[in-house]
């Protein structure tokens, strides 16, 4: 199976499973996308997709693939369910102003076994503008997710973009310079003017 189909089919499978087990199958279908957004594991946008034929409108749940590498499948799936609670509130509740996580949303999260927290840990604020969560030990989500993973679910691909960006920054912060006369080397930031102390000649950057 090619990577796109393999990745999205697994996410579609997880959405259907959690919709049935945690939301009594009352959530509508939505478009699941992979989108990079700085400092966010995912997000929900209501009524942002429209069918080219028929005009049906649906919602979007986006997951940040840069967050997959350093998190377990259960942690990634907890973000999916986090966004599913936003979808639930969008259709059946009363969301607050854009981006604010209110008490109603907090209760919906707790009902599925995810505890809202602005710090991601026990004791954090349960409502606010920027919110995350932690998984309730032995809660509904954890138990359901264990069953899903035990049945063979896994997230087959993760992005390595962040690693590549960090490598580029590291390379850019330390450039190798070489004296063309004696072969001595030195390392400095890009575009630094270095002189060889022995030969008194300008050292050149080694692009390799």
Protein backbone atom coordinates (compact mmCIF):
# COMPACT_ATOMS: atom_id res chain seq x y z
CA UNK A 1 0.00 0.00 0.00
CA UNK A 2 1.40 3.41 -0.88
CA UNK A 3 2.15 5.89 1.95
CA UNK A 4 -0.76 8.30 1.42
CA UNK A 5 -3.40 5.59 1.35
CA UNK A 6 -1.78 3.69 4.22
CA UNK A 7 -1.60 6.75 6.48
CA UNK A 8 -5.05 8.15 5.83
CA UNK A 9 -6.78 4.78 5.91
CA UNK A 10 -5.45 4.20 9.42
CA UNK A 11 -6.60 7.62 10.60
CA UNK A 12 -10.01 7.04 9.01
CA UNK A 13 -10.20 3.69 10.78
CA UNK A 14 -9.33 5.29 14.13
CA UNK A 15 -11.94 8.02 13.65
CA UNK A 16 -14.65 5.48 12.96
CA UNK A 17 -13.62 3.33 15.92
CA UNK A 18 -13.60 6.18 18.43
CA UNK A 19 -16.81 7.61 17.01
CA UNK A 20 -18.52 4.32 17.76
CA UNK A 21 -16.92 3.56 21.12
CA UNK A 22 -16.63 7.03 22.68
CA UNK A 23 -19.25 9.16 20.89
CA UNK A 24 -22.12 6.70 20.33
CA UNK A 25 -21.66 7.08 16.56
CA UNK A 26 -23.23 10.52 16.55
CA UNK A 27 -20.35 12.42 14.96
CA UNK A 28 -20.63 13.20 11.27
CA UNK A 29 -17.94 12.24 8.80
CA UNK A 30 -15.25 14.87 8.29
CA UNK A 31 -12.09 15.48 6.28
CA UNK A 32 -8.94 14.40 8.13
CA UNK A 33 -5.78 16.14 6.99
CA UNK A 34 -2.13 16.31 7.96
CA UNK A 35 -1.08 19.92 8.46
CA UNK A 36 2.04 21.41 10.00
CA UNK A 37 1.26 24.14 12.50
CA UNK A 38 3.87 25.48 14.89
CA UNK A 39 3.25 24.63 18.57
CA UNK A 40 0.08 22.64 17.86
CA UNK A 41 -0.59 18.90 17.76
CA UNK A 42 -3.78 19.44 15.79
CA UNK A 43 -6.82 21.64 15.23
CA UNK A 44 -10.50 21.55 14.27
CA UNK A 45 -12.24 23.76 11.71
CA UNK A 46 -16.00 23.56 11.38
CA UNK A 47 -17.80 23.80 8.04
CA UNK A 48 -14.65 24.41 6.02
CA UNK A 49 -15.08 21.81 3.23
CA UNK A 50 -17.81 21.77 0.59
CA UNK A 51 -18.58 19.00 -1.86
CA UNK A 52 -18.09 19.99 -5.51
CA UNK A 53 -21.21 18.02 -6.35
CA UNK A 54 -24.28 18.46 -4.21
CA UNK A 55 -22.88 21.24 -2.02
CA UNK A 56 -22.70 19.22 1.21
CA UNK A 57 -20.59 20.99 3.86
CA UNK A 58 -18.37 19.17 6.33
CA UNK A 59 -15.66 19.81 8.90
CA UNK A 60 -11.89 19.35 9.06
CA UNK A 61 -9.68 17.72 11.68
CA UNK A 62 -5.99 18.30 11.11
CA UNK A 63 -3.10 16.51 12.82
CA UNK A 64 0.45 17.82 12.86
CA UNK A 65 2.72 15.08 11.40
CA UNK A 66 5.80 16.71 12.92
CA UNK A 67 4.48 15.64 16.34
CA UNK A 68 4.20 11.94 15.47
CA UNK A 69 7.87 11.01 15.83
CA UNK A 70 8.28 11.88 19.51
CA UNK A 71 4.86 10.64 20.67
CA UNK A 72 3.34 7.19 21.00
CA UNK A 73 0.43 6.04 18.85
CA UNK A 74 -1.82 6.47 21.88
CA UNK A 75 -0.70 10.05 22.39
CA UNK A 76 -1.25 10.89 18.73
CA UNK A 77 -4.69 9.29 18.84
CA UNK A 78 -5.52 11.29 21.94
CA UNK A 79 -5.08 14.42 19.80
CA UNK A 80 -7.49 12.98 17.25
CA UNK A 81 -10.10 12.42 19.98
CA UNK A 82 -9.36 15.88 21.43
CA UNK A 83 -10.32 17.38 18.06
CA UNK A 84 -13.32 15.06 17.81
CA UNK A 85 -14.69 16.66 20.99
CA UNK A 86 -14.43 20.04 19.25
CA UNK A 87 -16.44 18.58 16.37
CA UNK A 88 -18.97 17.22 18.85
CA UNK A 89 -19.38 20.60 20.52
CA UNK A 90 -19.58 22.35 17.16
CA UNK A 91 -22.62 20.29 16.17
CA UNK A 92 -24.30 19.56 19.50
CA UNK A 93 -23.10 22.22 21.94
CA UNK A 94 -22.24 25.88 22.27
CA UNK A 95 -18.60 26.69 21.48
CA UNK A 96 -17.19 29.96 22.77
CA UNK A 97 -15.34 32.54 20.72
CA UNK A 98 -12.75 31.24 18.30
CA UNK A 99 -9.99 29.32 20.04
CA UNK A 100 -11.41 29.45 23.58
CA UNK A 101 -11.99 26.15 25.35
CA UNK A 102 -14.98 26.58 27.65
CA UNK A 103 -16.49 24.51 30.47
CA UNK A 104 -18.81 22.62 28.13
CA UNK A 105 -15.87 21.46 26.03
CA UNK A 106 -13.98 20.53 29.21
CA UNK A 107 -16.84 18.27 30.30
CA UNK A 108 -16.98 16.63 26.86
CA UNK A 109 -13.27 15.88 27.12
CA UNK A 110 -13.61 14.35 30.57
CA UNK A 111 -16.51 12.21 29.36
CA UNK A 112 -14.21 10.44 26.88
CA UNK A 113 -11.29 10.07 29.29
CA UNK A 114 -9.11 13.03 28.36
CA UNK A 115 -8.45 15.55 31.11
CA UNK A 116 -8.14 19.16 29.92
CA UNK A 117 -5.06 20.98 31.19
CA UNK A 118 -3.26 24.08 30.00
CA UNK A 119 0.00 22.47 31.13
CA UNK A 120 -0.71 18.93 29.93
CA UNK A 121 -0.38 17.71 33.51
CA UNK A 122 -2.57 17.16 36.56
CA UNK A 123 -3.49 20.42 38.25
CA UNK A 124 -3.51 22.59 35.14
CA UNK A 125 -6.38 24.91 34.23
CA UNK A 126 -9.25 23.10 32.51
CA UNK A 127 -10.43 26.03 30.38
CA UNK A 128 -8.62 28.71 28.43
CA UNK A 129 -7.40 29.95 25.08
CA UNK A 130 -4.52 27.52 24.60
CA UNK A 131 -5.29 24.08 25.96
CA UNK A 132 -3.97 20.55 25.80
CA UNK A 133 -4.79 17.48 27.88
CA UNK A 134 -3.48 14.35 29.54
CA UNK A 135 -4.88 10.83 29.30
CA UNK A 136 -6.93 9.69 32.29
CA UNK A 137 -5.37 6.47 33.64
CA UNK A 138 -7.91 3.69 33.25
CA UNK A 139 -10.34 6.07 31.56
CA UNK A 140 -12.57 5.53 28.55
CA UNK A 141 -10.05 6.70 25.98
CA UNK A 142 -7.13 4.73 27.37
CA UNK A 143 -9.17 1.50 27.54
CA UNK A 144 -10.60 1.97 24.04
CA UNK A 145 -7.22 2.89 22.57
CA UNK A 146 -5.56 -0.18 24.05
CA UNK A 147 -8.19 -2.35 22.35
CA UNK A 148 -7.62 -0.61 19.03
CA UNK A 149 -3.84 -1.00 19.20
CA UNK A 150 -4.15 -4.61 20.37
CA UNK A 151 -6.29 -5.30 17.29
CA UNK A 152 -3.36 -4.25 15.11
CA UNK A 153 -3.73 -0.51 14.69
CA UNK A 154 -0.57 1.54 14.19
CA UNK A 155 0.45 4.83 12.62
CA UNK A 156 2.69 3.73 9.74
CA UNK A 157 4.47 6.98 8.86
CA UNK A 158 5.75 10.07 10.64
CA UNK A 159 7.34 13.26 9.36
CA UNK A 160 11.04 13.95 9.80
CA UNK A 161 10.84 17.58 8.68
CA UNK A 162 11.67 18.91 12.13
CA UNK A 163 14.84 16.81 12.26
CA UNK A 164 15.88 18.09 8.84
CA UNK A 165 15.26 21.69 9.88
CA UNK A 166 17.29 21.22 13.05
CA UNK A 167 20.13 19.67 11.04
CA UNK A 168 20.09 22.62 8.64
CA UNK A 169 20.24 25.07 11.54
CA UNK A 170 23.11 23.15 13.09
CA UNK A 171 25.04 23.11 9.84
CA UNK A 172 24.39 26.82 9.37
CA UNK A 173 25.62 27.65 12.86
CA UNK A 174 29.01 25.99 12.35
CA UNK A 175 30.74 26.28 8.98
CA UNK A 176 34.10 24.70 8.27
CA UNK A 177 36.86 27.01 6.98
CA UNK A 178 40.14 25.84 5.43
CA UNK A 179 43.42 27.59 4.74
CA UNK A 180 44.30 26.82 1.11
CA UNK A 181 48.03 27.13 1.83
CA UNK A 182 48.63 24.95 4.87
CA UNK A 183 45.32 23.05 5.13
CA UNK A 184 44.51 24.20 8.67
CA UNK A 185 40.81 24.09 9.58
CA UNK A 186 38.57 26.21 11.77
CA UNK A 187 34.83 26.40 12.45
CA UNK A 188 32.74 29.55 12.73
CA UNK A 189 29.39 31.04 11.78
CA UNK A 190 28.63 31.49 8.06
CA UNK A 191 30.14 34.54 6.35
CA UNK A 192 32.77 35.00 9.07
CA UNK A 193 36.08 36.47 7.85
CA UNK A 194 38.86 34.23 9.17
CA UNK A 195 42.60 34.60 8.68
CA UNK A 196 45.13 31.79 9.09
CA UNK A 197 47.53 32.79 11.87
CA UNK A 198 50.43 30.88 10.32
CA UNK A 199 50.07 31.85 6.67
CA UNK A 200 48.28 35.19 7.16
CA UNK A 201 45.91 34.24 4.35
CA UNK A 202 42.13 34.37 4.27
CA UNK A 203 40.49 31.01 5.04
CA UNK A 204 37.69 29.86 2.74
CA UNK A 205 34.42 28.19 3.69
CA UNK A 206 34.18 24.49 2.92
CA UNK A 207 30.72 23.99 1.38
CA UNK A 208 31.13 20.23 1.54
